[in-house]
Amino acid sequence: MRSKVRTIVSSGLVAGTLDITAAILIYSVILHKTTAEKILQSIASGVFKKEAYTAGTEMTFAGLGFHFLIAFIFAWFYFKIFPYIPFFRINTFLSGFCYGFFIWIVMNLIVLPIVFPVLPEKNLDFPLLLSILIVILCVGMPIAFITRKYYAKWF
């Protein structure tokens, strides 16, 4: 029998790991747009601002910590709302897709503009679609499938 905490932690760990791995592989290794360190420092800069880029390795680890904190929060939220939204029980694939898209909207249209008042303009292009796809596949889907497994005994 799986516990609630174990389900939330495992879905947060899987989602956080897949998401950061995809971001590093795509943007650092494949596209050569940035480095893994800069990706993690950018996450830390949400709290530490410009200091995140100059304070050293601890900011890289702080960014990784913040990244997983966000993944755990979204995993916890999905776990809490799952019993109240019948649609989530009907089609796990579709609910993971929708939840991933919801996460992307929350992060990119609400959280990031609050944390970083000046952001580059978003255009409907390949990089935007790629960022949405990463969040859907690497965050929304794992959270939906892991949470569904926990609730399968009740529904």
C-alpha atoms as a PDB file:
ATOM      1  CA  MET A   1       0.000   0.000   0.000  1.00  0.00           C
ATOM      2  CA  ARG A   2       1.417   3.365  -1.005  1.00  0.00           C
ATOM      3  CA  SER A   3       1.237   6.298   1.335  1.00  0.00           C
ATOM      4  CA  LYS A   4       0.087   9.773   0.391  1.00  0.00           C
ATOM      5  CA  VAL A   5       3.481  11.296   1.203  1.00  0.00           C
ATOM      6  CA  ARG A   6       5.345   8.648  -0.771  1.00  0.00           C
ATOM      7  CA  THR A   7       3.088   9.231  -3.783  1.00  0.00           C
ATOM      8  CA  ILE A   8       3.594  13.005  -3.697  1.00  0.00           C
ATOM      9  CA  VAL A   9       7.350  12.708  -3.150  1.00  0.00           C
ATOM     10  CA  SER A  10       7.807  10.130  -5.892  1.00  0.00           C
ATOM     11  CA  SER A  11       5.730  12.054  -8.426  1.00  0.00           C
ATOM     12  CA  GLY A  12       7.567  15.275  -7.526  1.00  0.00           C
ATOM     13  CA  LEU A  13      10.968  13.577  -7.809  1.00  0.00           C
ATOM     14  CA  VAL A  14      10.159  11.928 -11.130  1.00  0.00           C
ATOM     15  CA  ALA A  15       8.645  15.099 -12.600  1.00  0.00           C
ATOM     16  CA  GLY A  16      11.452  17.334 -11.300  1.00  0.00           C
ATOM     17  CA  THR A  17      14.152  14.963 -12.549  1.00  0.00           C
ATOM     18  CA  LEU A  18      12.618  14.500 -16.000  1.00  0.00           C
ATOM     19  CA  ASP A  19      11.979  18.227 -16.396  1.00  0.00           C
ATOM     20  CA  ILE A  20      15.462  19.421 -15.436  1.00  0.00           C
ATOM     21  CA  THR A  21      17.092  16.612 -17.418  1.00  0.00           C
ATOM     22  CA  ALA A  22      15.082  17.526 -20.528  1.00  0.00           C
ATOM     23  CA  ALA A  23      15.882  21.227 -20.100  1.00  0.00           C
ATOM     24  CA  ILE A  24      19.611  20.554 -19.742  1.00  0.00           C
ATOM     25  CA  LEU A  25      19.729  18.049 -22.601  1.00  0.00           C
ATOM     26  CA  ILE A  26      17.764  20.186 -25.021  1.00  0.00           C
ATOM     27  CA  TYR A  27      18.943  23.710 -24.223  1.00  0.00           C
ATOM     28  CA  SER A  28      22.509  22.935 -23.166  1.00  0.00           C
ATOM     29  CA  VAL A  29      23.613  19.765 -24.951  1.00  0.00           C
ATOM     30  CA  ILE A  30      21.546  19.760 -28.165  1.00  0.00           C
ATOM     31  CA  LEU A  31      20.849  23.433 -28.923  1.00  0.00           C
ATOM     32  CA  HIS A  32      23.923  24.908 -27.163  1.00  0.00           C
ATOM     33  CA  LYS A  33      21.852  27.901 -26.000  1.00  0.00           C
ATOM     34  CA  THR A  34      23.115  27.865 -22.388  1.00  0.00           C
ATOM     35  CA  THR A  35      24.763  25.677 -19.779  1.00  0.00           C
ATOM     36  CA  ALA A  36      23.300  23.440 -17.080  1.00  0.00           C
ATOM     37  CA  GLU A  37      24.764  25.801 -14.493  1.00  0.00           C
ATOM     38  CA  LYS A  38      23.062  28.844 -16.047  1.00  0.00           C
ATOM     39  CA  ILE A  39      19.722  27.030 -16.189  1.00  0.00           C
ATOM     40  CA  LEU A  40      19.900  26.291 -12.467  1.00  0.00           C
ATOM     41  CA  GLN A  41      21.203  29.778 -11.637  1.00  0.00           C
ATOM     42  CA  SER A  42      18.271  31.233 -13.578  1.00  0.00           C
ATOM     43  CA  ILE A  43      15.899  29.306 -11.349  1.00  0.00           C
ATOM     44  CA  ALA A  44      17.731  30.605  -8.255  1.00  0.00           C
ATOM     45  CA  SER A  45      17.573  34.138  -9.642  1.00  0.00           C
ATOM     46  CA  GLY A  46      13.838  34.102  -8.991  1.00  0.00           C
ATOM     47  CA  VAL A  47      14.729  34.555  -5.324  1.00  0.00           C
ATOM     48  CA  PHE A  48      18.312  35.833  -5.338  1.00  0.00           C
ATOM     49  CA  LYS A  49      18.069  38.059  -8.452  1.00  0.00           C
ATOM     50  CA  LYS A  50      21.445  38.965 -10.074  1.00  0.00           C
ATOM     51  CA  GLU A  51      23.409  37.522  -7.152  1.00  0.00           C
ATOM     52  CA  ALA A  52      22.425  34.048  -8.385  1.00  0.00           C
ATOM     53  CA  TYR A  53      24.815  34.435 -11.326  1.00  0.00           C
ATOM     54  CA  THR A  54      27.813  35.617  -9.316  1.00  0.00           C
ATOM     55  CA  ALA A  55      27.630  33.861  -5.948  1.00  0.00           C
ATOM     56  CA  GLY A  56      29.097  30.538  -7.036  1.00  0.00           C
ATOM     57  CA  THR A  57      28.116  26.894  -6.925  1.00  0.00           C
ATOM     58  CA  GLU A  58      25.735  27.279  -4.013  1.00  0.00           C
ATOM     59  CA  MET A  59      23.338  29.167  -6.313  1.00  0.00           C
ATOM     60  CA  THR A  60      23.387  26.255  -8.753  1.00  0.00           C
ATOM     61  CA  PHE A  61      22.306  23.964  -5.917  1.00  0.00           C
ATOM     62  CA  ALA A  62      19.781  26.525  -4.689  1.00  0.00           C
ATOM     63  CA  GLY A  63      18.266  26.581  -8.183  1.00  0.00           C
ATOM     64  CA  LEU A  64      18.058  22.795  -8.172  1.00  0.00           C
ATOM     65  CA  GLY A  65      16.396  22.923  -4.754  1.00  0.00           C
ATOM     66  CA  PHE A  66      13.858  25.529  -5.899  1.00  0.00           C
ATOM     67  CA  HIS A  67      13.198  23.491  -9.040  1.00  0.00           C
ATOM     68  CA  PHE A  68      12.310  20.405  -6.987  1.00  0.00           C
ATOM     69  CA  LEU A  69      10.290  22.473  -4.520  1.00  0.00           C
ATOM     70  CA  ILE A  70       8.141  23.693  -7.411  1.00  0.00           C
ATOM     71  CA  ALA A  71       7.787  20.123  -8.728  1.00  0.00           C
ATOM     72  CA  PHE A  72       6.687  18.920  -5.272  1.00  0.00           C
ATOM     73  CA  ILE A  73       4.149  21.751  -4.984  1.00  0.00           C
ATOM     74  CA  PHE A  74       2.568  20.852  -8.332  1.00  0.00           C
ATOM     75  CA  ALA A  75       2.610  17.139  -7.398  1.00  0.00           C
ATOM     76  CA  TRP A  76       0.952  17.920  -4.064  1.00  0.00           C
ATOM     77  CA  PHE A  77      -1.673  20.147  -5.721  1.00  0.00           C
ATOM     78  CA  TYR A  78      -2.616  17.492  -8.288  1.00  0.00           C
ATOM     79  CA  PHE A  79      -2.785  14.856  -5.548  1.00  0.00           C
ATOM     80  CA  LYS A  80      -5.126  17.062  -3.490  1.00  0.00           C
ATOM     81  CA  ILE A  81      -7.494  17.956  -6.350  1.00  0.00           C
ATOM     82  CA  PHE A  82      -7.565  14.505  -7.977  1.00  0.00           C
ATOM     83  CA  PRO A  83     -10.539  13.141  -5.971  1.00  0.00           C
ATOM     84  CA  TYR A  84     -12.647  16.205  -6.771  1.00  0.00           C
ATOM     85  CA  ILE A  85     -12.216  16.266 -10.549  1.00  0.00           C
ATOM     86  CA  PRO A  86     -13.907  13.262 -12.186  1.00  0.00           C
ATOM     87  CA  PHE A  87     -12.193  13.996 -15.516  1.00  0.00           C
ATOM     88  CA  PHE A  88      -8.836  13.006 -13.959  1.00  0.00           C
ATOM     89  CA  ARG A  89     -10.149   9.484 -13.310  1.00  0.00           C
ATOM     90  CA  ILE A  90     -11.522   8.989 -16.819  1.00  0.00           C
ATOM     91  CA  ASN A  91      -8.371   9.453 -18.912  1.00  0.00           C
ATOM     92  CA  THR A  92      -4.986   9.659 -17.214  1.00  0.00           C
ATOM     93  CA  PHE A  93      -3.160  10.524 -20.427  1.00  0.00           C
ATOM     94  CA  LEU A  94      -5.473  13.421 -21.234  1.00  0.00           C
ATOM     95  CA  SER A  95      -5.521  14.668 -17.642  1.00  0.00           C
ATOM     96  CA  GLY A  96      -1.693  14.597 -17.563  1.00  0.00           C
ATOM     97  CA  PHE A  97      -1.645  16.549 -20.815  1.00  0.00           C
ATOM     98  CA  CYS A  98      -4.092  19.140 -19.452  1.00  0.00           C
ATOM     99  CA  TYR A  99      -2.320  19.390 -16.096  1.00  0.00           C
ATOM    100  CA  GLY A 100       1.046  19.857 -17.825  1.00  0.00           C
ATOM    101  CA  PHE A 101      -0.433  22.644 -19.927  1.00  0.00           C
ATOM    102  CA  PHE A 102      -1.972  24.166 -16.777  1.00  0.00           C
ATOM    103  CA  ILE A 103       1.467  24.088 -15.093  1.00  0.00           C
ATOM    104  CA  TRP A 104       3.039  25.804 -18.097  1.00  0.00           C
ATOM    105  CA  ILE A 105       0.359  28.520 -18.007  1.00  0.00           C
ATOM    106  CA  VAL A 106       0.769  29.081 -14.259  1.00  0.00           C
ATOM    107  CA  MET A 107       4.553  29.256 -14.465  1.00  0.00           C
ATOM    108  CA  ASN A 108       4.873  31.303 -17.670  1.00  0.00           C
ATOM    109  CA  LEU A 109       1.877  33.598 -17.495  1.00  0.00           C
ATOM    110  CA  ILE A 110       1.583  34.131 -13.731  1.00  0.00           C
ATOM    111  CA  VAL A 111       4.687  33.175 -11.694  1.00  0.00           C
ATOM    112  CA  LEU A 112       7.495  34.280 -14.022  1.00  0.00           C
ATOM    113  CA  PRO A 113       5.940  37.678 -14.841  1.00  0.00           C
ATOM    114  CA  ILE A 114       5.537  38.356 -11.100  1.00  0.00           C
ATOM    115  CA  VAL A 115       9.092  37.276 -10.263  1.00  0.00           C
ATOM    116  CA  PHE A 116      10.667  38.846 -13.361  1.00  0.00           C
ATOM    117  CA  PRO A 117       8.665  41.940 -14.379  1.00  0.00           C
ATOM    118  CA  VAL A 118      10.684  42.336 -17.596  1.00  0.00           C
ATOM    119  CA  LEU A 119      10.578  39.189 -19.719  1.00  0.00           C
ATOM    120  CA  PRO A 120      11.170  38.667 -23.421  1.00  0.00           C
ATOM    121  CA  GLU A 121       8.028  38.629 -25.531  1.00  0.00           C
ATOM    122  CA  LYS A 122       6.625  35.157 -26.222  1.00  0.00           C
ATOM    123  CA  ASN A 123       5.963  34.242 -29.836  1.00  0.00           C
ATOM    124  CA  LEU A 124       4.136  31.165 -31.058  1.00  0.00           C
ATOM    125  CA  ASP A 125       7.213  29.431 -32.427  1.00  0.00           C
ATOM    126  CA  PHE A 126       9.209  26.223 -32.023  1.00  0.00           C
ATOM    127  CA  PRO A 127      10.956  27.196 -28.743  1.00  0.00           C
ATOM    128  CA  LEU A 128       7.614  28.076 -27.140  1.00  0.00           C
ATOM    129  CA  LEU A 129       5.975  24.836 -28.316  1.00  0.00           C
ATOM    130  CA  LEU A 130       9.033  22.886 -27.155  1.00  0.00           C
ATOM    131  CA  SER A 131       8.828  24.412 -23.674  1.00  0.00           C
ATOM    132  CA  ILE A 132       5.131  23.502 -23.455  1.00  0.00           C
ATOM    133  CA  LEU A 133       5.806  19.964 -24.650  1.00  0.00           C
ATOM    134  CA  ILE A 134       8.590  19.475 -22.083  1.00  0.00           C
ATOM    135  CA  VAL A 135       6.299  20.492 -19.214  1.00  0.00           C
ATOM    136  CA  ILE A 136       3.441  18.312 -20.475  1.00  0.00           C
ATOM    137  CA  LEU A 137       5.562  15.194 -21.019  1.00  0.00           C
ATOM    138  CA  CYS A 138       8.034  15.564 -18.171  1.00  0.00           C
ATOM    139  CA  VAL A 139       5.860  17.074 -15.438  1.00  0.00           C
ATOM    140  CA  GLY A 140       2.136  16.716 -16.154  1.00  0.00           C
ATOM    141  CA  MET A 141       2.195  13.125 -17.366  1.00  0.00           C
ATOM    142  CA  PRO A 142       4.334  11.604 -14.588  1.00  0.00           C
ATOM    143  CA  ILE A 143       2.383  13.397 -11.879  1.00  0.00           C
ATOM    144  CA  ALA A 144      -0.917  12.206 -13.389  1.00  0.00           C
ATOM    145  CA  PHE A 145       0.158   8.580 -13.798  1.00  0.00           C
ATOM    146  CA  ILE A 146       1.818   8.248 -10.384  1.00  0.00           C
ATOM    147  CA  THR A 147      -1.121   9.899  -8.629  1.00  0.00           C
ATOM    148  CA  ARG A 148      -3.628   7.764 -10.552  1.00  0.00           C
ATOM    149  CA  LYS A 149      -1.831   4.635  -9.376  1.00  0.00           C
ATOM    150  CA  TYR A 150      -2.308   5.706  -5.763  1.00  0.00           C
ATOM    151  CA  TYR A 151      -6.012   6.471  -6.198  1.00  0.00           C
ATOM    152  CA  ALA A 152      -6.718   3.368  -8.333  1.00  0.00           C
ATOM    153  CA  LYS A 153      -7.783   1.399  -5.260  1.00  0.00           C
ATOM    154  CA  TRP A 154     -10.555   3.938  -4.510  1.00  0.00           C
ATOM    155  CA  PHE A 155     -11.901   4.750  -7.953  1.00  0.00           C
END
